[in-house]
């Protein structure tokens, strides 16, 4: 069982569109979030299965729904909003 078992798959055509949109650089209107390990995630402006679709900065992590990203990688905070010592 891998850490990514149980995530809701994002349709391949949507993933392809997201990759194409960010081929040269991440669009400026995508909001950047960070997880508990300070890895970046971008809110793509797309949704699937009733949730926001996020693109991770890590190349070995698939595009996924926000609920799955938060379940696997901890709470996502808008860049500039760090976790307090109590939340870590």
PDB file of N, CA and C in Angstrom:
ATOM      1  N   UNK A   1       0.845  -1.184   0.000  1.00  0.00           N
ATOM      2  CA  UNK A   1       0.000   0.000   0.000  1.00  0.00           C
ATOM      3  C   UNK A   1       0.890   1.248   0.000  1.00  0.00           C
ATOM      4  N   UNK A   2       0.687   2.122  -0.961  1.00  0.00           N
ATOM      5  CA  UNK A   2       1.468   3.351  -1.025  1.00  0.00           C
ATOM      6  C   UNK A   2       0.732   4.467  -0.321  1.00  0.00           C
ATOM      7  N   UNK A   3       1.442   5.557  -0.062  1.00  0.00           N
ATOM      8  CA  UNK A   3       0.845   6.707   0.622  1.00  0.00           C
ATOM      9  C   UNK A   3      -0.253   7.353  -0.210  1.00  0.00           C
ATOM     10  N   UNK A   4      -0.270   7.088  -1.512  1.00  0.00           N
ATOM     11  CA  UNK A   4      -1.248   7.741  -2.379  1.00  0.00           C
ATOM     12  C   UNK A   4      -2.472   6.874  -2.645  1.00  0.00           C
ATOM     13  N   UNK A   5      -2.551   5.699  -2.034  1.00  0.00           N
ATOM     14  CA  UNK A   5      -3.752   4.878  -2.170  1.00  0.00           C
ATOM     15  C   UNK A   5      -4.935   5.628  -1.593  1.00  0.00           C
ATOM     16  N   UNK A   6      -6.066   5.508  -2.238  1.00  0.00           N
ATOM     17  CA  UNK A   6      -7.279   6.109  -1.710  1.00  0.00           C
ATOM     18  C   UNK A   6      -7.550   7.537  -2.153  1.00  0.00           C
ATOM     19  N   UNK A   7      -6.670   8.121  -2.987  1.00  0.00           N
ATOM     20  CA  UNK A   7      -6.971   9.476  -3.457  1.00  0.00           C
ATOM     21  C   UNK A   7      -7.964   9.401  -4.608  1.00  0.00           C
ATOM     22  N   UNK A   8      -8.778  10.432  -4.743  1.00  0.00           N
ATOM     23  CA  UNK A   8      -9.720  10.521  -5.848  1.00  0.00           C
ATOM     24  C   UNK A   8      -8.945  10.948  -7.086  1.00  0.00           C
ATOM     25  N   UNK A   9      -8.937  10.139  -8.142  1.00  0.00           N
ATOM     26  CA  UNK A   9      -8.166  10.523  -9.328  1.00  0.00           C
ATOM     27  C   UNK A   9      -8.764  11.746 -10.028  1.00  0.00           C
ATOM     28  N   UNK A  10      -7.882  12.611 -10.472  1.00  0.00           N
ATOM     29  CA  UNK A  10      -8.279  13.774 -11.276  1.00  0.00           C
ATOM     30  C   UNK A  10      -8.240  13.313 -12.730  1.00  0.00           C
ATOM     31  N   UNK A  11      -9.278  13.622 -13.518  1.00  0.00           N
ATOM     32  CA  UNK A  11      -9.305  13.171 -14.910  1.00  0.00           C
ATOM     33  C   UNK A  11      -8.045  13.586 -15.687  1.00  0.00           C
ATOM     34  N   UNK A  12      -7.561  12.663 -16.509  1.00  0.00           N
ATOM     35  CA  UNK A  12      -6.328  12.892 -17.263  1.00  0.00           C
ATOM     36  C   UNK A  12      -6.391  14.126 -18.157  1.00  0.00           C
ATOM     37  N   UNK A  13      -7.555  14.398 -18.768  1.00  0.00           N
ATOM     38  CA  UNK A  13      -7.640  15.579 -19.636  1.00  0.00           C
ATOM     39  C   UNK A  13      -7.499  16.865 -18.812  1.00  0.00           C
ATOM     40  N   UNK A  14      -7.999  16.862 -17.580  1.00  0.00           N
ATOM     41  CA  UNK A  14      -7.848  18.021 -16.708  1.00  0.00           C
ATOM     42  C   UNK A  14      -6.389  18.170 -16.278  1.00  0.00           C
ATOM     43  N   UNK A  15      -5.751  17.061 -15.931  1.00  0.00           N
ATOM     44  CA  UNK A  15      -4.335  17.092 -15.559  1.00  0.00           C
ATOM     45  C   UNK A  15      -3.513  17.622 -16.720  1.00  0.00           C
ATOM     46  N   UNK A  16      -3.814  17.174 -17.916  1.00  0.00           N
ATOM     47  CA  UNK A  16      -3.101  17.634 -19.113  1.00  0.00           C
ATOM     48  C   UNK A  16      -3.264  19.136 -19.310  1.00  0.00           C
ATOM     49  N   UNK A  17      -4.479  19.641 -19.125  1.00  0.00           N
ATOM     50  CA  UNK A  17      -4.725  21.081 -19.255  1.00  0.00           C
ATOM     51  C   UNK A  17      -3.956  21.873 -18.192  1.00  0.00           C
ATOM     52  N   UNK A  18      -3.923  21.360 -16.973  1.00  0.00           N
ATOM     53  CA  UNK A  18      -3.200  22.031 -15.887  1.00  0.00           C
ATOM     54  C   UNK A  18      -1.706  22.068 -16.204  1.00  0.00           C
ATOM     55  N   UNK A  19      -1.177  20.960 -16.664  1.00  0.00           N
ATOM     56  CA  UNK A  19       0.250  20.903 -17.023  1.00  0.00           C
ATOM     57  C   UNK A  19       0.565  21.863 -18.166  1.00  0.00           C
ATOM     58  N   UNK A  20      -0.321  21.926 -19.139  1.00  0.00           N
ATOM     59  CA  UNK A  20      -0.124  22.846 -20.262  1.00  0.00           C
ATOM     60  C   UNK A  20      -0.169  24.299 -19.784  1.00  0.00           C
ATOM     61  N   UNK A  21      -1.104  24.611 -18.897  1.00  0.00           N
ATOM     62  CA  UNK A  21      -1.222  25.977 -18.370  1.00  0.00           C
ATOM     63  C   UNK A  21       0.032  26.411 -17.623  1.00  0.00           C
ATOM     64  N   UNK A  22       0.716  25.457 -16.997  1.00  0.00           N
ATOM     65  CA  UNK A  22       1.871  25.791 -16.163  1.00  0.00           C
ATOM     66  C   UNK A  22       3.202  25.373 -16.798  1.00  0.00           C
ATOM     67  N   UNK A  23       3.190  25.132 -18.081  1.00  0.00           N
ATOM     68  CA  UNK A  23       4.381  24.642 -18.774  1.00  0.00           C
ATOM     69  C   UNK A  23       5.573  25.584 -18.651  1.00  0.00           C
ATOM     70  N   UNK A  24       5.362  26.865 -18.882  1.00  0.00           N
ATOM     71  CA  UNK A  24       6.449  27.843 -18.812  1.00  0.00           C
ATOM     72  C   UNK A  24       6.616  28.353 -17.388  1.00  0.00           C
ATOM     73  N   UNK A  25       5.503  28.724 -16.756  1.00  0.00           N
ATOM     74  CA  UNK A  25       5.512  29.158 -15.357  1.00  0.00           C
ATOM     75  C   UNK A  25       4.113  29.023 -14.800  1.00  0.00           C
ATOM     76  N   UNK A  26       4.034  29.021 -13.476  1.00  0.00           N
ATOM     77  CA  UNK A  26       2.730  28.921 -12.821  1.00  0.00           C
ATOM     78  C   UNK A  26       1.964  30.217 -13.089  1.00  0.00           C
ATOM     79  N   UNK A  27       0.722  30.117 -13.555  1.00  0.00           N
ATOM     80  CA  UNK A  27      -0.063  31.332 -13.790  1.00  0.00           C
ATOM     81  C   UNK A  27      -0.143  32.223 -12.551  1.00  0.00           C
ATOM     82  N   UNK A  28      -0.078  33.509 -12.757  1.00  0.00           N
ATOM     83  CA  UNK A  28      -0.033  34.463 -11.644  1.00  0.00           C
ATOM     84  C   UNK A  28      -1.321  34.493 -10.820  1.00  0.00           C
ATOM     85  N   UNK A  29      -2.430  34.021 -11.367  1.00  0.00           N
ATOM     86  CA  UNK A  29      -3.679  34.029 -10.608  1.00  0.00           C
ATOM     87  C   UNK A  29      -3.895  32.744  -9.800  1.00  0.00           C
ATOM     88  N   UNK A  30      -2.953  31.814  -9.849  1.00  0.00           N
ATOM     89  CA  UNK A  30      -3.049  30.616  -9.025  1.00  0.00           C
ATOM     90  C   UNK A  30      -2.539  30.949  -7.623  1.00  0.00           C
ATOM     91  N   UNK A  31      -3.346  30.677  -6.616  1.00  0.00           N
ATOM     92  CA  UNK A  31      -2.971  30.944  -5.230  1.00  0.00           C
ATOM     93  C   UNK A  31      -2.014  29.844  -4.766  1.00  0.00           C
ATOM     94  N   UNK A  32      -0.956  30.264  -4.087  1.00  0.00           N
ATOM     95  CA  UNK A  32       0.045  29.310  -3.607  1.00  0.00           C
ATOM     96  C   UNK A  32      -0.215  28.999  -2.132  1.00  0.00           C
ATOM     97  N   UNK A  33      -0.187  27.715  -1.824  1.00  0.00           N
ATOM     98  CA  UNK A  33      -0.312  27.225  -0.458  1.00  0.00           C
ATOM     99  C   UNK A  33       0.944  26.435  -0.111  1.00  0.00           C
ATOM    100  N   UNK A  34       1.185  26.248   1.174  1.00  0.00           N
ATOM    101  CA  UNK A  34       2.275  25.387   1.620  1.00  0.00           C
ATOM    102  C   UNK A  34       1.731  24.361   2.596  1.00  0.00           C
ATOM    103  N   UNK A  35       2.342  23.165   2.578  1.00  0.00           N
ATOM    104  CA  UNK A  35       1.932  22.116   3.503  1.00  0.00           C
ATOM    105  C   UNK A  35       2.839  22.128   4.731  1.00  0.00           C
ATOM    106  N   UNK A  36       2.684  21.149   5.585  1.00  0.00           N
ATOM    107  CA  UNK A  36       3.448  21.120   6.843  1.00  0.00           C
ATOM    108  C   UNK A  36       4.952  20.991   6.631  1.00  0.00           C
ATOM    109  N   UNK A  37       5.363  20.526   5.441  1.00  0.00           N
ATOM    110  CA  UNK A  37       6.789  20.390   5.122  1.00  0.00           C
ATOM    111  C   UNK A  37       7.298  21.549   4.269  1.00  0.00           C
ATOM    112  N   UNK A  38       6.504  22.598   4.146  1.00  0.00           N
ATOM    113  CA  UNK A  38       6.820  23.797   3.369  1.00  0.00           C
ATOM    114  C   UNK A  38       6.907  23.525   1.871  1.00  0.00           C
ATOM    115  N   UNK A  39       6.274  22.445   1.404  1.00  0.00           N
ATOM    116  CA  UNK A  39       6.174  22.183  -0.032  1.00  0.00           C
ATOM    117  C   UNK A  39       5.020  23.009  -0.587  1.00  0.00           C
ATOM    118  N   UNK A  40       5.206  23.544  -1.776  1.00  0.00           N
ATOM    119  CA  UNK A  40       4.193  24.412  -2.384  1.00  0.00           C
ATOM    120  C   UNK A  40       3.134  23.603  -3.129  1.00  0.00           C
ATOM    121  N   UNK A  41       1.918  24.118  -3.076  1.00  0.00           N
ATOM    122  CA  UNK A  41       0.763  23.600  -3.825  1.00  0.00           C
ATOM    123  C   UNK A  41       0.065  24.809  -4.427  1.00  0.00           C
ATOM    124  N   UNK A  42      -0.371  24.701  -5.678  1.00  0.00           N
ATOM    125  CA  UNK A  42      -1.084  25.803  -6.317  1.00  0.00           C
ATOM    126  C   UNK A  42      -2.532  25.428  -6.563  1.00  0.00           C
ATOM    127  N   UNK A  43      -3.413  26.342  -6.203  1.00  0.00           N
ATOM    128  CA  UNK A  43      -4.838  26.220  -6.463  1.00  0.00           C
ATOM    129  C   UNK A  43      -5.048  26.569  -7.934  1.00  0.00           C
ATOM    130  N   UNK A  44      -5.479  25.603  -8.733  1.00  0.00           N
ATOM    131  CA  UNK A  44      -5.504  25.757 -10.192  1.00  0.00           C
ATOM    132  C   UNK A  44      -6.732  26.471 -10.749  1.00  0.00           C
ATOM    133  N   UNK A  45      -7.723  26.701  -9.915  1.00  0.00           N
ATOM    134  CA  UNK A  45      -8.953  27.307 -10.411  1.00  0.00           C
ATOM    135  C   UNK A  45      -9.918  26.289 -11.009  1.00  0.00           C
ATOM    136  N   UNK A  46      -9.548  25.040 -10.961  1.00  0.00           N
ATOM    137  CA  UNK A  46     -10.412  23.972 -11.465  1.00  0.00           C
ATOM    138  C   UNK A  46     -10.955  23.172 -10.287  1.00  0.00           C
ATOM    139  N   UNK A  47     -12.066  22.477 -10.535  1.00  0.00           N
ATOM    140  CA  UNK A  47     -12.624  21.623  -9.489  1.00  0.00           C
ATOM    141  C   UNK A  47     -13.058  20.296 -10.100  1.00  0.00           C
ATOM    142  N   UNK A  48     -13.093  19.285  -9.245  1.00  0.00           N
ATOM    143  CA  UNK A  48     -13.522  17.946  -9.643  1.00  0.00           C
ATOM    144  C   UNK A  48     -14.111  17.272  -8.409  1.00  0.00           C
ATOM    145  N   UNK A  49     -15.170  16.556  -8.590  1.00  0.00           N
ATOM    146  CA  UNK A  49     -15.806  15.804  -7.507  1.00  0.00           C
ATOM    147  C   UNK A  49     -16.120  16.698  -6.306  1.00  0.00           C
ATOM    148  N   UNK A  50     -16.490  17.952  -6.596  1.00  0.00           N
ATOM    149  CA  UNK A  50     -16.894  18.876  -5.546  1.00  0.00           C
ATOM    150  C   UNK A  50     -15.762  19.488  -4.740  1.00  0.00           C
ATOM    151  N   UNK A  51     -14.521  19.411  -5.238  1.00  0.00           N
ATOM    152  CA  UNK A  51     -13.387  19.947  -4.490  1.00  0.00           C
ATOM    153  C   UNK A  51     -12.419  20.633  -5.440  1.00  0.00           C
ATOM    154  N   UNK A  52     -11.566  21.483  -4.875  1.00  0.00           N
ATOM    155  CA  UNK A  52     -10.557  22.203  -5.650  1.00  0.00           C
ATOM    156  C   UNK A  52      -9.439  21.259  -6.074  1.00  0.00           C
ATOM    157  N   UNK A  53      -8.920  21.510  -7.278  1.00  0.00           N
ATOM    158  CA  UNK A  53      -7.802  20.725  -7.794  1.00  0.00           C
ATOM    159  C   UNK A  53      -6.516  21.508  -7.563  1.00  0.00           C
ATOM    160  N   UNK A  54      -5.516  20.838  -6.984  1.00  0.00           N
ATOM    161  CA  UNK A  54      -4.233  21.460  -6.664  1.00  0.00           C
ATOM    162  C   UNK A  54      -3.108  20.812  -7.457  1.00  0.00           C
ATOM    163  N   UNK A  55      -2.141  21.641  -7.835  1.00  0.00           N
ATOM    164  CA  UNK A  55      -0.931  21.150  -8.477  1.00  0.00           C
ATOM    165  C   UNK A  55       0.214  21.264  -7.474  1.00  0.00           C
ATOM    166  N   UNK A  56       0.898  20.151  -7.178  1.00  0.00           N
ATOM    167  CA  UNK A  56       2.011  20.202  -6.233  1.00  0.00           C
ATOM    168  C   UNK A  56       3.296  20.668  -6.900  1.00  0.00           C
ATOM    169  N   UNK A  57       4.206  21.191  -6.093  1.00  0.00           N
ATOM    170  CA  UNK A  57       5.512  21.568  -6.625  1.00  0.00           C
ATOM    171  C   UNK A  57       6.392  20.345  -6.808  1.00  0.00           C
ATOM    172  N   UNK A  58       6.173  19.325  -6.007  1.00  0.00           N
ATOM    173  CA  UNK A  58       6.975  18.101  -6.102  1.00  0.00           C
ATOM    174  C   UNK A  58       6.584  17.339  -7.363  1.00  0.00           C
ATOM    175  N   UNK A  59       7.566  17.081  -8.209  1.00  0.00           N
ATOM    176  CA  UNK A  59       7.306  16.409  -9.477  1.00  0.00           C
ATOM    177  C   UNK A  59       6.869  14.963  -9.364  1.00  0.00           C
ATOM    178  N   UNK A  60       7.112  14.325  -8.212  1.00  0.00           N
ATOM    179  CA  UNK A  60       6.739  12.929  -8.044  1.00  0.00           C
ATOM    180  C   UNK A  60       5.389  12.764  -7.342  1.00  0.00           C
ATOM    181  N   UNK A  61       4.681  13.864  -7.131  1.00  0.00           N
ATOM    182  CA  UNK A  61       3.355  13.844  -6.510  1.00  0.00           C
ATOM    183  C   UNK A  61       2.344  14.258  -7.572  1.00  0.00           C
ATOM    184  N   UNK A  62       1.256  13.492  -7.714  1.00  0.00           N
ATOM    185  CA  UNK A  62       0.278  13.820  -8.755  1.00  0.00           C
ATOM    186  C   UNK A  62      -0.589  15.026  -8.399  1.00  0.00           C
ATOM    187  N   UNK A  63      -1.170  15.613  -9.426  1.00  0.00           N
ATOM    188  CA  UNK A  63      -2.217  16.621  -9.240  1.00  0.00           C
ATOM    189  C   UNK A  63      -3.314  15.930  -8.440  1.00  0.00           C
ATOM    190  N   UNK A  64      -3.850  16.611  -7.418  1.00  0.00           N
ATOM    191  CA  UNK A  64      -4.873  15.961  -6.606  1.00  0.00           C
ATOM    192  C   UNK A  64      -5.856  16.964  -6.021  1.00  0.00           C
ATOM    193  N   UNK A  65      -6.911  16.429  -5.456  1.00  0.00           N
ATOM    194  CA  UNK A  65      -7.922  17.257  -4.808  1.00  0.00           C
ATOM    195  C   UNK A  65      -7.385  17.774  -3.481  1.00  0.00           C
ATOM    196  N   UNK A  66      -7.884  18.939  -3.094  1.00  0.00           N
ATOM    197  CA  UNK A  66      -7.412  19.550  -1.852  1.00  0.00           C
ATOM    198  C   UNK A  66      -7.631  18.643  -0.649  1.00  0.00           C
ATOM    199  N   UNK A  67      -8.786  17.995  -0.575  1.00  0.00           N
ATOM    200  CA  UNK A  67      -9.058  17.129   0.581  1.00  0.00           C
ATOM    201  C   UNK A  67      -8.036  16.003   0.692  1.00  0.00           C
ATOM    202  N   UNK A  68      -7.616  15.468  -0.454  1.00  0.00           N
ATOM    203  CA  UNK A  68      -6.618  14.399  -0.435  1.00  0.00           C
ATOM    204  C   UNK A  68      -5.245  14.944  -0.054  1.00  0.00           C
ATOM    205  N   UNK A  69      -4.892  16.110  -0.587  1.00  0.00           N
ATOM    206  CA  UNK A  69      -3.602  16.722  -0.252  1.00  0.00           C
ATOM    207  C   UNK A  69      -3.526  17.010   1.246  1.00  0.00           C
ATOM    208  N   UNK A  70      -4.586  17.529   1.824  1.00  0.00           N
ATOM    209  CA  UNK A  70      -4.571  17.838   3.255  1.00  0.00           C
ATOM    210  C   UNK A  70      -4.576  16.574   4.104  1.00  0.00           C
ATOM    211  N   UNK A  71      -5.226  15.530   3.641  1.00  0.00           N
ATOM    212  CA  UNK A  71      -5.225  14.263   4.382  1.00  0.00           C
ATOM    213  C   UNK A  71      -3.818  13.656   4.391  1.00  0.00           C
ATOM    214  N   UNK A  72      -3.114  13.757   3.273  1.00  0.00           N
ATOM    215  CA  UNK A  72      -1.791  13.142   3.153  1.00  0.00           C
ATOM    216  C   UNK A  72      -0.643  14.024   3.629  1.00  0.00           C
ATOM    217  N   UNK A  73      -0.765  15.337   3.424  1.00  0.00           N
ATOM    218  CA  UNK A  73       0.365  16.236   3.667  1.00  0.00           C
ATOM    219  C   UNK A  73       0.099  17.296   4.734  1.00  0.00           C
ATOM    220  N   UNK A  74      -1.020  17.195   5.422  1.00  0.00           N
ATOM    221  CA  UNK A  74      -1.329  18.142   6.489  1.00  0.00           C
ATOM    222  C   UNK A  74      -2.075  19.356   5.973  1.00  0.00           C
ATOM    223  N   UNK A  75      -2.395  20.268   6.872  1.00  0.00           N
ATOM    224  CA  UNK A  75      -3.161  21.450   6.470  1.00  0.00           C
ATOM    225  C   UNK A  75      -2.384  22.297   5.469  1.00  0.00           C
ATOM    226  N   UNK A  76      -3.099  22.842   4.506  1.00  0.00           N
ATOM    227  CA  UNK A  76      -2.494  23.737   3.524  1.00  0.00           C
ATOM    228  C   UNK A  76      -2.809  25.163   3.934  1.00  0.00           C
ATOM    229  N   UNK A  77      -1.785  25.958   4.032  1.00  0.00           N
ATOM    230  CA  UNK A  77      -1.940  27.346   4.443  1.00  0.00           C
ATOM    231  C   UNK A  77      -1.501  28.261   3.316  1.00  0.00           C
ATOM    232  N   UNK A  78      -2.247  29.337   3.127  1.00  0.00           N
ATOM    233  CA  UNK A  78      -1.860  30.321   2.114  1.00  0.00           C
ATOM    234  C   UNK A  78      -0.463  30.812   2.442  1.00  0.00           C
ATOM    235  N   UNK A  79       0.339  30.962   1.426  1.00  0.00           N
ATOM    236  CA  UNK A  79       1.729  31.374   1.627  1.00  0.00           C
ATOM    237  C   UNK A  79       1.784  32.629   2.487  1.00  0.00           C
ATOM    238  N   UNK A  80       2.693  32.612   3.453  1.00  0.00           N
ATOM    239  CA  UNK A  80       2.846  33.751   4.357  1.00  0.00           C
ATOM    240  C   UNK A  80       2.133  33.555   5.674  1.00  0.00           C
ATOM    241  N   UNK A  81       1.339  32.482   5.780  1.00  0.00           N
ATOM    242  CA  UNK A  81       0.628  32.178   7.014  1.00  0.00           C
ATOM    243  C   UNK A  81       1.199  30.893   7.584  1.00  0.00           C
ATOM    244  N   UNK A  82       2.164  31.010   8.498  1.00  0.00           N
ATOM    245  CA  UNK A  82       2.836  29.841   9.052  1.00  0.00           C
ATOM    246  C   UNK A  82       2.059  29.185  10.160  1.00  0.00           C
ATOM    247  N   UNK A  83       2.454  27.958  10.484  1.00  0.00           N
ATOM    248  CA  UNK A  83       1.869  27.253  11.600  1.00  0.00           C
ATOM    249  C   UNK A  83       2.469  27.746  12.908  1.00  0.00           C
ATOM    250  N   UNK A  84       1.667  27.862  13.910  1.00  0.00           N
ATOM    251  CA  UNK A  84       2.189  28.210  15.223  1.00  0.00           C
ATOM    252  C   UNK A  84       2.881  26.983  15.812  1.00  0.00           C
ATOM    253  N   UNK A  85       3.649  27.161  16.869  1.00  0.00           N
ATOM    254  CA  UNK A  85       4.329  26.043  17.511  1.00  0.00           C
ATOM    255  C   UNK A  85       3.315  24.991  17.987  1.00  0.00           C
ATOM    256  N   UNK A  86       2.139  25.416  18.423  1.00  0.00           N
ATOM    257  CA  UNK A  86       1.123  24.510  18.913  1.00  0.00           C
ATOM    258  C   UNK A  86       0.584  23.639  17.776  1.00  0.00           C
ATOM    259  N   UNK A  87       0.445  24.212  16.563  1.00  0.00           N
ATOM    260  CA  UNK A  87      -0.109  23.472  15.433  1.00  0.00           C
ATOM    261  C   UNK A  87       0.886  22.506  14.811  1.00  0.00           C
ATOM    262  N   UNK A  88       2.184  22.687  15.037  1.00  0.00           N
ATOM    263  CA  UNK A  88       3.193  21.815  14.403  1.00  0.00           C
ATOM    264  C   UNK A  88       3.208  20.462  14.958  1.00  0.00           C
TER     265      UNK A  88
END
